N, C-alpha and C. Protein backbone atom coordinates (compact mmCIF):
# COMPACT_ATOMS: atom_id res chain seq x y z
N MET A 1 -9.23 1.64 19.77
CA MET A 1 -8.60 2.54 18.84
C MET A 1 -8.31 1.69 17.57
N VAL A 2 -8.47 2.26 16.34
CA VAL A 2 -8.31 1.63 15.07
C VAL A 2 -7.07 2.23 14.43
N VAL A 3 -6.18 1.32 14.02
CA VAL A 3 -4.93 1.59 13.45
C VAL A 3 -4.73 0.94 12.01
N SER A 4 -4.25 1.76 11.12
CA SER A 4 -3.83 1.15 9.87
C SER A 4 -2.34 1.37 9.59
N PHE A 5 -1.69 0.41 8.86
CA PHE A 5 -0.21 0.58 8.63
C PHE A 5 -0.07 0.56 7.14
N ASP A 6 0.88 1.49 6.75
CA ASP A 6 1.53 1.27 5.39
C ASP A 6 2.34 0.01 5.38
N LEU A 7 2.41 -0.68 4.24
CA LEU A 7 3.12 -1.93 4.24
C LEU A 7 4.65 -1.76 3.71
N PHE A 8 4.77 -1.28 2.47
CA PHE A 8 6.07 -1.18 1.93
C PHE A 8 6.87 -0.02 2.44
N GLY A 9 7.96 -0.29 3.10
CA GLY A 9 8.94 0.76 3.61
C GLY A 9 8.57 0.99 5.14
N THR A 10 7.44 0.49 5.54
CA THR A 10 7.09 0.61 7.00
C THR A 10 7.25 -0.67 7.71
N LEU A 11 6.39 -1.66 7.29
CA LEU A 11 6.45 -3.01 7.96
C LEU A 11 7.56 -3.91 7.19
N VAL A 12 7.62 -3.76 5.99
CA VAL A 12 8.63 -4.66 5.26
C VAL A 12 9.47 -3.86 4.23
N ALA A 13 10.59 -4.30 3.93
CA ALA A 13 11.46 -3.84 2.92
C ALA A 13 11.40 -4.84 1.79
N VAL A 14 11.25 -4.37 0.59
CA VAL A 14 10.99 -5.22 -0.63
C VAL A 14 12.12 -4.85 -1.64
N GLU A 15 12.71 -5.88 -2.19
CA GLU A 15 13.75 -5.65 -3.22
C GLU A 15 12.93 -5.50 -4.54
N ARG A 16 13.02 -4.22 -5.16
CA ARG A 16 12.30 -3.96 -6.32
C ARG A 16 13.26 -4.04 -7.53
N PRO A 17 12.68 -4.27 -8.84
CA PRO A 17 13.58 -4.34 -9.92
C PRO A 17 14.20 -2.90 -10.22
N SER A 18 15.55 -3.02 -10.40
CA SER A 18 16.30 -1.76 -10.72
C SER A 18 15.93 -1.06 -11.98
N ASP A 19 15.33 -1.84 -12.91
CA ASP A 19 14.82 -1.41 -14.26
C ASP A 19 13.44 -1.97 -14.40
N PRO A 20 12.39 -1.47 -13.94
CA PRO A 20 11.02 -2.11 -13.96
C PRO A 20 10.70 -2.36 -15.50
N ALA A 21 10.99 -1.47 -16.37
CA ALA A 21 10.60 -1.76 -17.84
C ALA A 21 11.28 -2.94 -18.31
N ALA A 22 12.54 -3.13 -17.96
CA ALA A 22 13.33 -4.36 -18.48
C ALA A 22 12.81 -5.54 -17.87
N ALA A 23 12.47 -5.51 -16.60
CA ALA A 23 11.95 -6.67 -15.84
C ALA A 23 10.60 -7.12 -16.41
N VAL A 24 9.74 -6.13 -16.69
CA VAL A 24 8.45 -6.48 -17.37
C VAL A 24 8.72 -7.06 -18.73
N ALA A 25 9.56 -6.51 -19.45
CA ALA A 25 9.88 -6.92 -20.83
C ALA A 25 10.33 -8.38 -20.85
N ALA A 26 11.19 -8.65 -19.88
CA ALA A 26 11.73 -10.13 -19.83
C ALA A 26 10.65 -11.07 -19.54
N GLU A 27 9.64 -10.74 -18.69
CA GLU A 27 8.50 -11.52 -18.35
C GLU A 27 7.53 -11.61 -19.51
N LEU A 28 7.34 -10.58 -20.27
CA LEU A 28 6.54 -10.62 -21.41
C LEU A 28 7.07 -11.56 -22.38
N GLU A 29 8.38 -11.41 -22.73
CA GLU A 29 9.01 -12.30 -23.71
C GLU A 29 8.92 -13.79 -23.28
N ALA A 30 8.94 -13.99 -22.00
CA ALA A 30 8.91 -15.48 -21.41
C ALA A 30 7.42 -15.96 -21.75
N ARG A 31 6.50 -15.09 -22.01
CA ARG A 31 5.13 -15.45 -22.33
C ARG A 31 4.76 -15.27 -23.71
N ASP A 32 5.88 -15.22 -24.65
CA ASP A 32 5.67 -15.10 -26.01
C ASP A 32 4.97 -13.80 -26.46
N VAL A 33 5.05 -12.80 -25.75
CA VAL A 33 4.53 -11.50 -26.16
C VAL A 33 5.64 -10.65 -26.85
N ASP A 34 5.45 -10.10 -28.01
CA ASP A 34 6.41 -9.37 -28.67
C ASP A 34 6.66 -8.01 -27.93
N VAL A 35 7.82 -7.72 -27.67
CA VAL A 35 8.21 -6.50 -26.98
C VAL A 35 8.73 -5.48 -27.97
N PRO A 36 8.24 -4.24 -28.09
CA PRO A 36 8.57 -3.35 -29.04
C PRO A 36 10.05 -2.91 -28.89
N ASP A 37 10.71 -2.51 -29.93
CA ASP A 37 12.16 -2.20 -29.90
C ASP A 37 12.24 -0.84 -28.87
N ASP A 38 11.23 0.05 -28.96
CA ASP A 38 11.29 1.23 -28.11
C ASP A 38 10.46 1.05 -26.80
N TRP A 39 10.57 -0.21 -26.23
CA TRP A 39 9.75 -0.47 -25.08
C TRP A 39 10.02 0.46 -23.84
N ALA A 40 11.22 0.79 -23.62
CA ALA A 40 11.60 1.70 -22.59
C ALA A 40 10.75 2.98 -22.59
N ALA A 41 10.74 3.54 -23.88
CA ALA A 41 9.95 4.80 -24.14
C ALA A 41 8.49 4.54 -24.06
N ALA A 42 7.95 3.42 -24.45
CA ALA A 42 6.52 3.11 -24.40
C ALA A 42 6.15 2.96 -23.04
N TYR A 43 7.05 2.35 -22.13
CA TYR A 43 6.65 2.04 -20.75
C TYR A 43 6.59 3.46 -19.92
N ALA A 44 7.51 4.37 -20.43
CA ALA A 44 7.61 5.58 -19.61
C ALA A 44 6.46 6.51 -19.97
N GLU A 45 5.79 6.34 -21.11
CA GLU A 45 4.75 7.15 -21.49
C GLU A 45 3.36 7.02 -20.67
N VAL A 46 2.60 8.16 -20.63
CA VAL A 46 1.34 7.98 -19.93
C VAL A 46 0.33 7.51 -20.97
N HIS A 47 -0.42 6.39 -20.64
CA HIS A 47 -1.31 5.80 -21.44
C HIS A 47 -2.72 5.78 -21.00
N VAL A 48 -2.93 6.03 -19.68
CA VAL A 48 -4.27 6.07 -19.05
C VAL A 48 -4.46 7.44 -18.50
N ASP A 49 -5.60 8.10 -19.01
CA ASP A 49 -5.90 9.45 -18.45
C ASP A 49 -6.78 9.30 -17.21
N ALA A 50 -6.00 9.17 -15.96
CA ALA A 50 -6.72 8.88 -14.76
C ALA A 50 -6.97 10.18 -13.97
N PRO A 51 -8.04 10.28 -13.18
CA PRO A 51 -8.16 11.43 -12.35
C PRO A 51 -7.11 11.57 -11.31
N GLU A 52 -6.89 12.79 -10.81
CA GLU A 52 -5.84 13.14 -9.88
C GLU A 52 -6.05 12.16 -8.52
N GLY A 53 -5.04 11.48 -8.18
CA GLY A 53 -5.18 10.70 -6.97
C GLY A 53 -5.51 9.26 -7.30
N ALA A 54 -6.04 8.92 -8.61
CA ALA A 54 -6.48 7.58 -8.82
C ALA A 54 -5.19 6.61 -9.15
N GLU A 55 -5.32 5.43 -8.82
CA GLU A 55 -4.37 4.45 -9.12
C GLU A 55 -4.62 3.84 -10.66
N VAL A 56 -3.52 3.69 -11.30
CA VAL A 56 -3.59 2.99 -12.65
C VAL A 56 -2.93 1.69 -12.41
N PRO A 57 -3.65 0.56 -12.36
CA PRO A 57 -2.97 -0.80 -12.25
C PRO A 57 -1.94 -0.96 -13.22
N LEU A 58 -0.90 -1.49 -12.81
CA LEU A 58 0.37 -1.65 -13.72
C LEU A 58 -0.05 -2.48 -14.98
N PRO A 59 -0.74 -3.65 -14.79
CA PRO A 59 -1.09 -4.50 -15.92
C PRO A 59 -1.91 -3.59 -16.99
N ALA A 60 -2.69 -2.67 -16.52
CA ALA A 60 -3.52 -1.88 -17.43
C ALA A 60 -2.54 -0.88 -18.23
N HIS A 61 -1.58 -0.34 -17.39
CA HIS A 61 -0.59 0.52 -18.02
C HIS A 61 0.21 -0.26 -19.09
N VAL A 62 0.69 -1.40 -18.75
CA VAL A 62 1.53 -2.17 -19.64
C VAL A 62 0.65 -2.64 -20.91
N ALA A 63 -0.59 -2.98 -20.72
CA ALA A 63 -1.46 -3.34 -21.86
C ALA A 63 -1.60 -2.25 -22.83
N ARG A 64 -1.74 -1.07 -22.20
CA ARG A 64 -2.01 0.15 -23.05
C ARG A 64 -0.71 0.50 -23.81
N ALA A 65 0.46 0.25 -23.05
CA ALA A 65 1.73 0.59 -23.64
C ALA A 65 1.97 -0.32 -24.86
N LEU A 66 1.63 -1.59 -24.79
CA LEU A 66 1.79 -2.55 -25.85
C LEU A 66 0.80 -2.22 -27.01
N ALA A 67 -0.34 -1.87 -26.60
CA ALA A 67 -1.39 -1.48 -27.76
C ALA A 67 -1.00 -0.23 -28.50
N SER A 68 -0.24 0.63 -27.88
CA SER A 68 0.19 1.94 -28.51
C SER A 68 1.26 1.60 -29.53
N ARG A 69 1.80 0.43 -29.51
CA ARG A 69 2.78 0.01 -30.43
C ARG A 69 2.21 -1.09 -31.35
N GLY A 70 0.94 -1.33 -31.28
CA GLY A 70 0.33 -2.41 -32.10
C GLY A 70 0.57 -3.85 -31.67
N VAL A 71 0.93 -4.04 -30.51
CA VAL A 71 1.29 -5.43 -30.04
C VAL A 71 0.04 -6.07 -29.48
N THR A 72 -0.33 -7.27 -29.92
CA THR A 72 -1.41 -7.99 -29.32
C THR A 72 -0.93 -9.23 -28.56
N TYR A 73 -1.73 -9.86 -27.71
CA TYR A 73 -1.21 -10.98 -26.97
C TYR A 73 -2.42 -11.75 -26.56
N ASP A 74 -2.21 -13.02 -25.98
CA ASP A 74 -3.38 -13.84 -25.61
C ASP A 74 -3.63 -13.81 -24.14
N GLY A 75 -4.93 -13.85 -23.85
CA GLY A 75 -5.39 -14.09 -22.50
C GLY A 75 -4.91 -12.98 -21.49
N ASN A 76 -4.44 -13.56 -20.29
CA ASN A 76 -3.92 -12.65 -19.25
C ASN A 76 -2.47 -12.61 -19.19
N ALA A 77 -1.78 -12.71 -20.29
CA ALA A 77 -0.34 -12.80 -20.36
C ALA A 77 0.32 -11.57 -19.75
N VAL A 78 -0.39 -10.39 -19.94
CA VAL A 78 0.23 -9.12 -19.35
C VAL A 78 0.21 -9.09 -17.91
N ARG A 79 -1.00 -9.46 -17.31
CA ARG A 79 -1.04 -9.57 -15.90
C ARG A 79 -0.10 -10.50 -15.23
N ARG A 80 0.01 -11.66 -15.82
CA ARG A 80 0.96 -12.70 -15.27
C ARG A 80 2.41 -12.21 -15.42
N ALA A 81 2.68 -11.52 -16.48
CA ALA A 81 4.04 -10.96 -16.61
C ALA A 81 4.37 -9.90 -15.56
N VAL A 82 3.48 -9.02 -15.35
CA VAL A 82 3.66 -8.03 -14.38
C VAL A 82 3.79 -8.54 -12.94
N VAL A 83 2.94 -9.48 -12.68
CA VAL A 83 3.04 -10.14 -11.27
C VAL A 83 4.34 -10.80 -11.08
N ALA A 84 4.85 -11.44 -12.15
CA ALA A 84 6.13 -12.15 -12.03
C ALA A 84 7.32 -11.24 -12.01
N ALA A 85 7.19 -10.05 -12.75
CA ALA A 85 8.32 -9.16 -12.75
C ALA A 85 8.48 -8.53 -11.38
N PHE A 86 7.48 -8.45 -10.54
CA PHE A 86 7.64 -7.82 -9.30
C PHE A 86 7.53 -8.85 -8.11
N ASP A 87 7.76 -10.09 -8.43
CA ASP A 87 7.65 -11.16 -7.46
C ASP A 87 8.73 -10.76 -6.35
N PRO A 88 8.09 -10.54 -5.09
CA PRO A 88 9.08 -9.91 -4.08
C PRO A 88 10.11 -10.73 -3.32
N VAL A 89 11.18 -10.14 -3.02
CA VAL A 89 12.09 -10.66 -2.04
C VAL A 89 11.89 -9.75 -0.84
N VAL A 90 11.39 -10.35 0.31
CA VAL A 90 10.93 -9.58 1.44
C VAL A 90 11.78 -9.73 2.62
N GLU A 91 11.98 -8.57 3.35
CA GLU A 91 12.53 -8.56 4.70
C GLU A 91 11.65 -7.77 5.57
N THR A 92 11.22 -8.43 6.63
CA THR A 92 10.41 -7.86 7.73
C THR A 92 11.28 -6.82 8.52
N ARG A 93 10.79 -5.63 8.63
CA ARG A 93 11.58 -4.61 9.30
C ARG A 93 11.75 -4.84 10.77
N ALA A 94 12.75 -4.51 11.40
CA ALA A 94 12.92 -4.62 12.81
C ALA A 94 11.88 -3.72 13.53
N GLY A 95 11.10 -4.27 14.53
CA GLY A 95 10.12 -3.60 15.18
C GLY A 95 8.74 -3.73 14.62
N ALA A 96 8.59 -4.27 13.39
CA ALA A 96 7.25 -4.33 12.68
C ALA A 96 6.36 -5.28 13.46
N LEU A 97 6.75 -6.40 13.88
CA LEU A 97 5.90 -7.31 14.65
C LEU A 97 5.38 -6.77 15.84
N GLU A 98 6.34 -6.09 16.61
CA GLU A 98 5.83 -5.51 17.88
C GLU A 98 4.96 -4.29 17.74
N ALA A 99 5.16 -3.60 16.64
CA ALA A 99 4.20 -2.43 16.41
C ALA A 99 2.78 -2.93 16.05
N VAL A 100 2.75 -3.98 15.19
CA VAL A 100 1.42 -4.55 14.94
C VAL A 100 0.81 -5.16 16.10
N GLU A 101 1.61 -5.87 16.84
CA GLU A 101 0.99 -6.45 18.17
C GLU A 101 0.42 -5.47 19.09
N ALA A 102 1.09 -4.44 19.16
CA ALA A 102 0.70 -3.35 20.07
C ALA A 102 -0.65 -2.71 19.50
N ALA A 103 -0.66 -2.55 18.19
CA ALA A 103 -1.94 -1.96 17.67
C ALA A 103 -3.10 -2.98 17.87
N ARG A 104 -2.85 -4.26 17.73
CA ARG A 104 -3.82 -5.29 17.96
C ARG A 104 -4.43 -5.29 19.33
N ASP A 105 -3.60 -4.89 20.25
CA ASP A 105 -3.98 -4.86 21.77
C ASP A 105 -5.02 -3.76 22.02
N LEU A 106 -5.01 -2.75 21.03
CA LEU A 106 -5.80 -1.51 21.26
C LEU A 106 -7.15 -1.62 20.35
N GLY A 107 -7.24 -2.52 19.35
CA GLY A 107 -8.37 -2.55 18.56
C GLY A 107 -8.11 -3.10 17.18
N PRO A 108 -9.03 -2.99 16.17
CA PRO A 108 -8.99 -3.49 14.84
C PRO A 108 -7.68 -2.82 14.17
N VAL A 109 -6.99 -3.58 13.24
CA VAL A 109 -5.85 -3.21 12.60
C VAL A 109 -5.98 -3.50 11.10
N GLY A 110 -5.60 -2.63 10.29
CA GLY A 110 -5.45 -2.84 8.84
C GLY A 110 -4.20 -2.42 8.15
N ILE A 111 -4.09 -2.77 6.91
CA ILE A 111 -3.09 -2.27 6.01
C ILE A 111 -3.71 -1.23 4.96
N CYS A 112 -3.07 -0.20 4.85
CA CYS A 112 -3.47 0.89 3.88
C CYS A 112 -2.31 1.22 3.05
N SER A 113 -2.10 0.69 1.87
CA SER A 113 -0.75 0.78 1.15
C SER A 113 -0.88 1.10 -0.27
N ASN A 114 -0.04 2.02 -0.86
CA ASN A 114 -0.01 2.11 -2.22
C ASN A 114 0.68 0.95 -2.88
N CYS A 115 0.11 0.43 -3.94
CA CYS A 115 0.71 -0.82 -4.62
C CYS A 115 -0.08 -0.93 -5.96
N SER A 116 0.63 -0.87 -7.10
CA SER A 116 -0.08 -0.84 -8.45
C SER A 116 -0.03 -2.17 -8.95
N VAL A 117 0.60 -3.17 -8.34
CA VAL A 117 0.80 -4.56 -8.86
C VAL A 117 -0.30 -5.45 -8.11
N PRO A 118 -1.11 -6.07 -8.88
CA PRO A 118 -2.03 -7.11 -8.22
C PRO A 118 -1.27 -8.22 -7.51
N GLU A 119 -1.81 -8.61 -6.38
CA GLU A 119 -1.29 -9.83 -5.69
C GLU A 119 0.00 -9.47 -4.87
N LEU A 120 0.57 -8.29 -5.09
CA LEU A 120 1.94 -8.06 -4.51
C LEU A 120 1.79 -7.92 -2.94
N ALA A 121 0.83 -7.33 -2.48
CA ALA A 121 0.66 -7.11 -1.07
C ALA A 121 0.43 -8.50 -0.39
N ARG A 122 -0.35 -9.35 -1.02
CA ARG A 122 -0.66 -10.56 -0.43
C ARG A 122 0.57 -11.45 -0.39
N ARG A 123 1.33 -11.46 -1.57
CA ARG A 123 2.57 -12.27 -1.59
C ARG A 123 3.66 -11.71 -0.70
N THR A 124 3.64 -10.42 -0.45
CA THR A 124 4.62 -9.89 0.41
C THR A 124 4.37 -10.31 1.95
N LEU A 125 2.99 -10.29 2.32
CA LEU A 125 2.71 -10.70 3.60
C LEU A 125 3.06 -12.18 3.81
N ILE A 126 2.74 -13.04 2.81
CA ILE A 126 3.09 -14.50 2.89
C ILE A 126 4.57 -14.73 3.17
N ARG A 127 5.47 -13.83 2.51
CA ARG A 127 6.92 -14.09 2.71
C ARG A 127 7.50 -13.31 3.85
N SER A 128 6.70 -12.56 4.58
CA SER A 128 7.23 -11.80 5.72
C SER A 128 6.95 -12.62 7.00
N ASP A 129 7.32 -12.04 8.13
CA ASP A 129 7.08 -12.57 9.37
C ASP A 129 5.75 -12.14 9.97
N LEU A 130 4.99 -11.44 9.09
CA LEU A 130 3.63 -10.98 9.61
C LEU A 130 2.50 -11.85 9.00
N SER A 131 1.77 -12.43 9.86
CA SER A 131 0.62 -13.27 9.42
C SER A 131 -0.45 -12.42 8.90
N ARG A 132 -1.14 -12.90 7.74
CA ARG A 132 -2.24 -12.25 7.20
C ARG A 132 -3.38 -12.07 8.20
N GLN A 133 -3.37 -13.05 9.25
CA GLN A 133 -4.36 -13.05 10.28
C GLN A 133 -4.25 -11.76 11.24
N TYR A 134 -3.06 -11.11 11.22
CA TYR A 134 -2.93 -9.92 12.14
C TYR A 134 -3.70 -8.82 11.68
N PHE A 135 -4.25 -8.85 10.45
CA PHE A 135 -4.86 -7.66 9.86
C PHE A 135 -6.39 -7.94 9.58
N ASP A 136 -7.22 -7.09 10.15
CA ASP A 136 -8.75 -7.27 9.88
C ASP A 136 -9.03 -6.81 8.49
N VAL A 137 -8.28 -5.94 7.92
CA VAL A 137 -8.63 -5.63 6.45
C VAL A 137 -7.24 -5.33 5.76
N ILE A 138 -7.19 -5.50 4.42
CA ILE A 138 -6.03 -4.92 3.71
C ILE A 138 -6.56 -4.20 2.54
N VAL A 139 -6.26 -2.92 2.49
CA VAL A 139 -6.60 -2.01 1.46
C VAL A 139 -5.34 -1.59 0.71
N THR A 140 -5.31 -1.85 -0.67
CA THR A 140 -4.22 -1.35 -1.47
C THR A 140 -4.85 -0.40 -2.59
N SER A 141 -3.96 0.44 -3.08
CA SER A 141 -4.48 1.27 -4.03
C SER A 141 -4.92 0.54 -5.27
N VAL A 142 -4.28 -0.53 -5.68
CA VAL A 142 -4.67 -1.22 -6.85
C VAL A 142 -6.11 -1.87 -6.62
N GLY A 143 -6.42 -2.21 -5.39
CA GLY A 143 -7.71 -2.77 -5.01
C GLY A 143 -8.77 -1.73 -4.92
N CYS A 144 -8.55 -0.62 -4.46
CA CYS A 144 -9.64 0.41 -4.15
C CYS A 144 -9.66 1.49 -5.21
N GLY A 145 -8.54 1.60 -6.04
CA GLY A 145 -8.50 2.61 -7.06
C GLY A 145 -7.94 4.04 -6.79
N TRP A 146 -7.50 4.21 -5.51
CA TRP A 146 -6.99 5.46 -5.21
C TRP A 146 -5.69 5.29 -4.39
N ARG A 147 -4.69 6.31 -4.67
CA ARG A 147 -3.38 6.21 -4.10
C ARG A 147 -3.40 7.25 -3.01
N LYS A 148 -2.76 6.80 -1.99
CA LYS A 148 -2.33 7.82 -0.83
C LYS A 148 -1.46 8.90 -1.57
N PRO A 149 -1.69 10.25 -1.25
CA PRO A 149 -2.48 10.72 -0.14
C PRO A 149 -4.02 11.09 -0.46
N ALA A 150 -4.58 10.51 -1.45
CA ALA A 150 -5.90 10.70 -1.82
C ALA A 150 -6.75 10.38 -0.62
N PRO A 151 -7.79 11.24 -0.23
CA PRO A 151 -8.58 10.94 0.94
C PRO A 151 -9.35 9.65 0.80
N GLU A 152 -9.68 9.34 -0.48
CA GLU A 152 -10.65 8.14 -0.72
C GLU A 152 -10.00 6.97 -0.15
N ILE A 153 -8.69 6.66 -0.32
CA ILE A 153 -8.17 5.40 0.27
C ILE A 153 -8.21 5.37 1.70
N PHE A 154 -8.11 6.47 2.50
CA PHE A 154 -8.24 6.42 3.91
C PHE A 154 -9.68 6.25 4.24
N GLU A 155 -10.64 6.83 3.46
CA GLU A 155 -12.00 6.64 3.77
C GLU A 155 -12.52 5.21 3.63
N VAL A 156 -11.92 4.46 2.53
CA VAL A 156 -12.26 3.13 2.36
C VAL A 156 -11.71 2.23 3.52
N THR A 157 -10.38 2.59 3.88
CA THR A 157 -9.81 1.81 4.99
C THR A 157 -10.62 1.96 6.29
N ALA A 158 -11.06 3.21 6.67
CA ALA A 158 -11.87 3.37 7.82
C ALA A 158 -13.19 2.79 7.82
N GLU A 159 -13.85 2.82 6.52
CA GLU A 159 -15.13 2.12 6.41
C GLU A 159 -15.07 0.75 6.67
N ARG A 160 -13.95 0.06 6.11
CA ARG A 160 -13.86 -1.40 6.27
C ARG A 160 -13.50 -1.90 7.63
N LEU A 161 -12.81 -0.92 8.40
CA LEU A 161 -12.54 -1.11 9.70
C LEU A 161 -13.73 -0.70 10.74
N GLY A 162 -14.73 -0.18 10.14
CA GLY A 162 -15.94 0.07 10.94
C GLY A 162 -15.87 1.35 11.70
N VAL A 163 -15.06 2.38 11.29
CA VAL A 163 -14.98 3.74 12.03
C VAL A 163 -15.16 4.81 11.06
N GLU A 164 -15.36 6.11 11.50
CA GLU A 164 -15.31 7.26 10.75
C GLU A 164 -13.72 7.52 10.37
N PRO A 165 -13.45 8.08 9.31
CA PRO A 165 -12.10 8.42 8.92
C PRO A 165 -11.38 9.19 10.04
N SER A 166 -12.07 10.05 10.71
CA SER A 166 -11.42 10.89 11.77
C SER A 166 -10.91 10.01 12.95
N ALA A 167 -11.35 8.86 13.05
CA ALA A 167 -10.94 7.97 14.17
C ALA A 167 -9.69 7.09 13.83
N LEU A 168 -9.24 7.15 12.48
CA LEU A 168 -8.20 6.36 12.11
C LEU A 168 -6.76 6.82 12.43
N VAL A 169 -5.99 6.00 12.99
CA VAL A 169 -4.66 6.29 13.22
C VAL A 169 -3.81 5.57 12.19
N HIS A 170 -2.95 6.30 11.35
CA HIS A 170 -2.25 5.63 10.30
C HIS A 170 -0.79 5.72 10.57
N VAL A 171 -0.07 4.64 10.45
CA VAL A 171 1.36 4.52 10.56
C VAL A 171 2.00 4.35 9.22
N GLY A 172 2.93 5.20 8.89
CA GLY A 172 3.68 5.09 7.67
C GLY A 172 4.99 5.75 7.55
N ASP A 173 5.74 5.50 6.56
CA ASP A 173 7.14 6.03 6.46
C ASP A 173 7.30 7.31 5.60
N ASP A 174 6.24 7.56 4.86
CA ASP A 174 6.41 8.63 3.77
C ASP A 174 5.39 9.82 4.15
N PRO A 175 5.91 10.99 4.60
CA PRO A 175 4.93 12.11 5.04
C PRO A 175 4.27 12.58 3.70
N ARG A 176 4.73 12.41 2.61
CA ARG A 176 4.07 12.96 1.37
C ARG A 176 2.73 12.08 1.12
N THR A 177 2.72 10.93 1.50
CA THR A 177 1.53 10.07 1.25
C THR A 177 0.80 9.65 2.53
N ASP A 178 1.53 9.20 3.49
CA ASP A 178 0.83 8.69 4.77
C ASP A 178 0.26 9.78 5.48
N ALA A 179 0.73 10.95 5.50
CA ALA A 179 0.15 12.09 6.27
C ALA A 179 -1.10 12.63 5.61
N GLY A 180 -1.45 11.98 4.45
CA GLY A 180 -2.82 12.33 3.93
C GLY A 180 -4.01 12.01 4.80
N VAL A 181 -3.83 11.08 5.76
CA VAL A 181 -4.89 10.73 6.63
C VAL A 181 -5.35 11.94 7.39
N GLU A 182 -4.54 12.91 7.51
CA GLU A 182 -4.85 14.10 8.31
C GLU A 182 -5.98 14.99 7.58
N ALA A 183 -5.97 14.83 6.17
CA ALA A 183 -6.98 15.51 5.51
C ALA A 183 -8.43 15.10 5.66
N VAL A 184 -8.52 13.88 6.20
CA VAL A 184 -9.83 13.28 6.56
C VAL A 184 -10.05 13.42 8.08
N GLY A 185 -9.27 14.11 8.75
CA GLY A 185 -9.35 14.16 10.23
C GLY A 185 -8.66 13.13 11.15
N GLY A 186 -7.92 12.23 10.40
CA GLY A 186 -7.25 11.18 11.18
C GLY A 186 -5.96 11.65 11.66
N THR A 187 -5.27 10.65 12.23
CA THR A 187 -3.88 11.00 13.02
C THR A 187 -2.82 10.19 12.26
N ALA A 188 -1.80 10.91 11.78
CA ALA A 188 -0.61 10.24 11.23
C ALA A 188 0.49 10.05 12.18
N LEU A 189 1.13 8.86 12.27
CA LEU A 189 2.43 8.58 12.87
C LEU A 189 3.37 8.29 11.83
N VAL A 190 4.22 9.24 11.50
CA VAL A 190 5.23 9.15 10.41
C VAL A 190 6.49 8.69 10.91
N LEU A 191 7.17 7.74 10.43
CA LEU A 191 8.41 7.17 10.97
C LEU A 191 9.58 8.00 10.97
N GLU A 192 9.63 9.14 10.22
CA GLU A 192 10.71 10.05 10.31
C GLU A 192 10.52 10.84 11.65
N ASP A 193 9.42 10.82 12.25
CA ASP A 193 9.11 11.58 13.51
C ASP A 193 9.07 10.49 14.69
N VAL A 194 8.48 9.34 14.43
CA VAL A 194 8.35 8.28 15.42
C VAL A 194 8.92 6.96 14.76
N PRO A 195 10.14 6.56 15.20
CA PRO A 195 10.69 5.39 14.69
C PRO A 195 9.85 4.26 15.01
N LEU A 196 10.04 3.18 14.06
CA LEU A 196 9.13 2.03 14.22
C LEU A 196 9.26 1.31 15.56
N SER A 197 10.50 1.37 16.22
CA SER A 197 10.60 0.87 17.58
C SER A 197 9.85 1.58 18.58
N SER A 198 9.55 2.85 18.28
CA SER A 198 8.78 3.67 19.31
C SER A 198 7.27 3.79 18.93
N VAL A 199 6.81 3.12 17.93
CA VAL A 199 5.42 3.14 17.60
C VAL A 199 4.50 2.51 18.72
N PRO A 200 4.96 1.27 19.29
CA PRO A 200 4.02 0.80 20.53
C PRO A 200 3.82 1.94 21.57
N ASP A 201 4.86 2.63 21.98
CA ASP A 201 4.65 3.61 22.96
C ASP A 201 3.75 4.77 22.38
N ALA A 202 4.01 5.15 21.12
CA ALA A 202 3.29 6.29 20.60
C ALA A 202 1.75 5.81 20.49
N LEU A 203 1.55 4.66 20.10
CA LEU A 203 0.05 4.15 20.03
C LEU A 203 -0.52 4.18 21.51
N ALA A 204 0.21 3.73 22.33
CA ALA A 204 -0.31 3.67 23.74
C ALA A 204 -0.61 5.10 24.28
N ALA A 205 0.29 6.03 23.95
CA ALA A 205 0.06 7.44 24.42
C ALA A 205 -1.25 7.93 23.66
N GLU A 206 -1.36 7.76 22.43
CA GLU A 206 -2.48 8.18 21.67
C GLU A 206 -3.79 7.61 22.17
N PHE A 207 -3.75 6.32 22.55
CA PHE A 207 -4.89 5.70 23.08
C PHE A 207 -5.33 6.34 24.50
N GLU A 208 -4.28 6.58 25.26
CA GLU A 208 -4.52 7.20 26.60
C GLU A 208 -5.05 8.59 26.44
N ASN A 209 -4.52 9.45 25.49
CA ASN A 209 -5.02 10.74 25.17
C ASN A 209 -6.43 10.67 24.70
N ARG A 210 -6.84 9.72 23.89
CA ARG A 210 -8.30 9.69 23.48
C ARG A 210 -9.16 9.27 24.61
N ARG A 211 -8.71 8.34 25.41
CA ARG A 211 -9.58 8.04 26.50
C ARG A 211 -9.79 9.13 27.43
N SER A 212 -8.63 9.96 27.73
CA SER A 212 -8.81 11.17 28.62
C SER A 212 -9.69 12.13 27.95
N ASP A 213 -9.67 12.31 26.73
CA ASP A 213 -10.54 13.29 26.04
C ASP A 213 -11.98 12.79 26.13
N ALA A 214 -12.21 11.52 26.05
CA ALA A 214 -13.59 10.98 26.06
C ALA A 214 -14.14 11.14 27.53
N ASP A 215 -13.17 10.87 28.49
CA ASP A 215 -13.73 10.98 29.83
C ASP A 215 -14.02 12.48 30.22
N ALA A 216 -13.19 13.31 29.70
CA ALA A 216 -13.45 14.80 30.00
C ALA A 216 -14.75 15.28 29.28
N GLY A 217 -14.98 14.71 28.14
CA GLY A 217 -16.17 15.16 27.51
C GLY A 217 -17.44 14.51 28.02
N GLY A 218 -17.31 13.67 28.97
CA GLY A 218 -18.58 12.88 29.50
C GLY A 218 -19.34 13.72 30.53
N GLY A 219 -18.81 14.80 30.92
CA GLY A 219 -19.53 15.65 31.84
C GLY A 219 -19.32 15.16 33.36
N PRO A 220 -19.87 15.86 34.39
CA PRO A 220 -19.74 15.39 35.67
C PRO A 220 -20.42 14.15 35.96
């Protein structure tokens, strides 16, 4: 059985900036980028006309926001500022390690997570109790271009794990996004219904159900 996990809010808790615009502004100024007086307004505006469900990488949004105010900068200063502004303080959630280990006992395991900041998922895993080696693939919205609940991100995750989307079991904390796997025929385990501590048992039950269905479909 193939399982994917949401990262933020499911496996880890991450301390986020209380004022993202101000956090980005501070890091831009640290890199000698002029920050407009109305930066909060510029940051809040939509600058990229993206298709429904598509991810807009935060560095692209910030770059367009600066450009809308006539601000120029050198090199990759914006990307570096965004990455630094969201440098994570990470806490591994109770039960996360056991849930991932239970999934690994059943087959390939991946991460499928919304994240508009480059490098954030990798940095988060490094600072958590979860080894990168626990996961066969890591799919983020900033990497694949689509945000959950868009079907495309689940299709990419399933493809990289070597299965059809309908075979994917996805574990996450947000029914608005993580339950999107059901639109491609997959199975959602949402933490408001199945606490993280109960995920190992839920995965085992799902595995047994699938094995029973396969045996029943095999004929006499």
